[in-house]
Amino acid sequence: MKEVTRRTDPQTGELFFPKRANQKFARPENRIKFNNDAANELRREREHINKPIHNAHVKLRKLMVGRNEAEFSIDFLRGYGLDFNVFNHYVLYNGIQRPAIFEFVFIIDKVNKEVKIIRHGRF
């Protein structure tokens, strides 16, 4: 018979005898609190990235209701509150990598100061 060794609960630091070989926490409440704390810390670290992307996506959805593509001036979109420094991925559109926020792809024409927004994909 194997000897059961005491373990330390990573949440509370208390010593306990595990009932299972893979048990890491003394009580389920400790495991839940530990995992919730870790998830909240990750959310706080990502907040400065996720919040501007989320806000831009909400504004784009309102702006593009009933449209699959539209052209706007850069000044209008900046006044509307869109930030062109934040994207969450790039999409290969007509052979060119284009910045995108979720389903919205941006084709930016800096010469004419216009942006074409295209709803792309299965959204």
Protein backbone atom coordinates (compact mmCIF):
# COMPACT_ATOMS: atom_id res chain seq x y z
CA MET A 1 0.00 0.00 0.00
CA LYS A 2 1.29 3.45 -0.93
CA GLU A 3 2.08 5.94 1.76
CA VAL A 4 -0.05 9.08 1.52
CA THR A 5 2.00 12.25 1.88
CA ARG A 6 0.67 15.55 3.03
CA ARG A 7 0.26 18.31 0.50
CA THR A 8 -0.02 22.05 0.75
CA ASP A 9 -3.13 23.75 -0.59
CA PRO A 10 -1.93 26.44 -3.06
CA GLN A 11 -4.83 28.75 -2.11
CA THR A 12 -4.70 28.69 1.68
CA GLY A 13 -1.31 27.12 2.40
CA GLU A 14 -2.86 24.55 4.74
CA LEU A 15 -1.50 21.01 4.92
CA PHE A 16 -3.89 18.16 4.09
CA PHE A 17 -3.95 14.48 3.19
CA PRO A 18 -5.21 14.07 -0.41
CA LYS A 19 -8.03 11.59 -1.02
CA ARG A 20 -7.09 11.27 -4.70
CA ALA A 21 -3.70 11.09 -6.40
CA ASN A 22 -4.37 14.26 -8.41
CA GLN A 23 -5.94 16.33 -5.61
CA LYS A 24 -4.23 19.70 -5.21
CA PHE A 25 -6.66 21.58 -2.97
CA ALA A 26 -7.94 20.73 0.50
CA ARG A 27 -11.53 21.77 -0.34
CA PRO A 28 -13.48 22.48 -3.54
CA GLU A 29 -14.07 26.07 -2.37
CA ASN A 30 -10.30 26.65 -2.39
CA ARG A 31 -9.99 25.30 -5.96
CA ILE A 32 -12.86 27.52 -7.16
CA LYS A 33 -11.45 30.64 -5.51
CA PHE A 34 -7.94 29.89 -6.83
CA ASN A 35 -9.19 29.48 -10.42
CA ASN A 36 -11.49 32.53 -10.20
CA ASP A 37 -8.62 34.67 -8.90
CA ALA A 38 -6.38 33.47 -11.76
CA ALA A 39 -9.09 34.19 -14.37
CA ASN A 40 -9.75 37.66 -12.92
CA GLU A 41 -6.04 38.49 -12.98
CA LEU A 42 -5.85 37.46 -16.64
CA ARG A 43 -8.90 39.64 -17.42
CA ARG A 44 -7.25 42.62 -15.70
CA GLU A 45 -4.04 42.10 -17.71
CA ARG A 46 -5.94 41.94 -21.02
CA GLU A 47 -8.36 44.77 -20.23
CA HIS A 48 -6.30 47.52 -21.91
CA ILE A 49 -6.43 45.49 -25.15
CA ASN A 50 -9.88 43.94 -25.03
CA LYS A 51 -11.83 47.04 -23.99
CA PRO A 52 -10.92 49.22 -27.03
CA ILE A 53 -11.54 46.28 -29.40
CA HIS A 54 -14.89 45.53 -27.75
CA ASN A 55 -15.96 49.20 -27.89
CA ALA A 56 -14.93 49.46 -31.56
CA HIS A 57 -16.84 46.28 -32.42
CA VAL A 58 -20.01 47.58 -30.73
CA LYS A 59 -19.74 50.88 -32.65
CA LEU A 60 -19.07 49.08 -35.94
CA ARG A 61 -22.09 46.84 -35.49
CA LYS A 62 -24.31 49.91 -34.99
CA LEU A 63 -22.73 51.75 -37.92
CA MET A 64 -23.04 48.78 -40.30
CA VAL A 65 -26.62 47.69 -39.54
CA GLY A 66 -28.14 46.41 -42.78
CA ARG A 67 -24.91 46.89 -44.75
CA ASN A 68 -22.21 44.49 -45.83
CA GLU A 69 -19.87 47.23 -46.97
CA ALA A 70 -19.68 50.99 -46.78
CA GLU A 71 -17.20 53.85 -47.24
CA PHE A 72 -16.60 56.55 -44.66
CA SER A 73 -14.15 59.39 -44.24
CA ILE A 74 -11.40 58.85 -41.68
CA ASP A 75 -12.44 62.05 -39.91
CA PHE A 76 -16.03 60.82 -39.54
CA LEU A 77 -14.91 57.48 -38.11
CA ARG A 78 -12.50 59.15 -35.68
CA GLY A 79 -15.30 61.48 -34.58
CA TYR A 80 -17.54 58.44 -34.21
CA GLY A 81 -14.98 57.06 -31.77
CA LEU A 82 -13.14 54.43 -33.79
CA ASP A 83 -9.43 53.99 -33.14
CA PHE A 84 -7.39 52.77 -36.11
CA ASN A 85 -4.55 51.57 -33.89
CA VAL A 86 -6.46 48.60 -32.49
CA PHE A 87 -7.23 45.41 -34.42
CA ASN A 88 -7.57 41.82 -33.32
CA HIS A 89 -6.41 40.12 -36.52
CA TYR A 90 -5.61 40.48 -40.21
CA VAL A 91 -7.62 39.01 -43.09
CA LEU A 92 -6.33 38.14 -46.54
CA TYR A 93 -8.73 40.13 -48.71
CA ASN A 94 -8.16 40.32 -52.49
CA GLY A 95 -4.60 39.08 -51.99
CA ILE A 96 -3.67 41.74 -49.41
CA GLN A 97 -3.50 41.39 -45.63
CA ARG A 98 -6.06 43.84 -44.23
CA PRO A 99 -6.60 44.83 -40.56
CA ALA A 100 -9.87 43.62 -39.04
CA ILE A 101 -11.94 43.74 -35.90
CA PHE A 102 -13.89 40.49 -35.72
CA GLU A 103 -15.99 40.35 -38.92
CA PHE A 104 -15.19 43.88 -40.11
CA VAL A 105 -12.29 44.34 -42.52
CA PHE A 106 -10.77 47.78 -43.12
CA ILE A 107 -9.40 49.02 -46.43
CA ILE A 108 -7.75 52.31 -45.57
CA ASP A 109 -7.05 54.83 -48.34
CA LYS A 110 -4.72 57.38 -46.74
CA VAL A 111 -4.50 59.50 -49.90
CA ASN A 112 -8.25 60.18 -50.10
CA LYS A 113 -8.66 59.85 -46.30
CA GLU A 114 -11.37 57.23 -46.68
CA VAL A 115 -11.99 53.84 -45.15
CA LYS A 116 -13.99 51.07 -46.74
CA ILE A 117 -15.47 48.72 -44.13
CA ILE A 118 -16.49 45.27 -45.29
CA ARG A 119 -18.39 42.67 -43.30
CA HIS A 120 -16.40 39.52 -44.03
CA GLY A 121 -16.90 35.88 -43.16
CA ARG A 122 -19.82 34.00 -41.68
CA PHE A 123 -20.98 36.56 -39.12
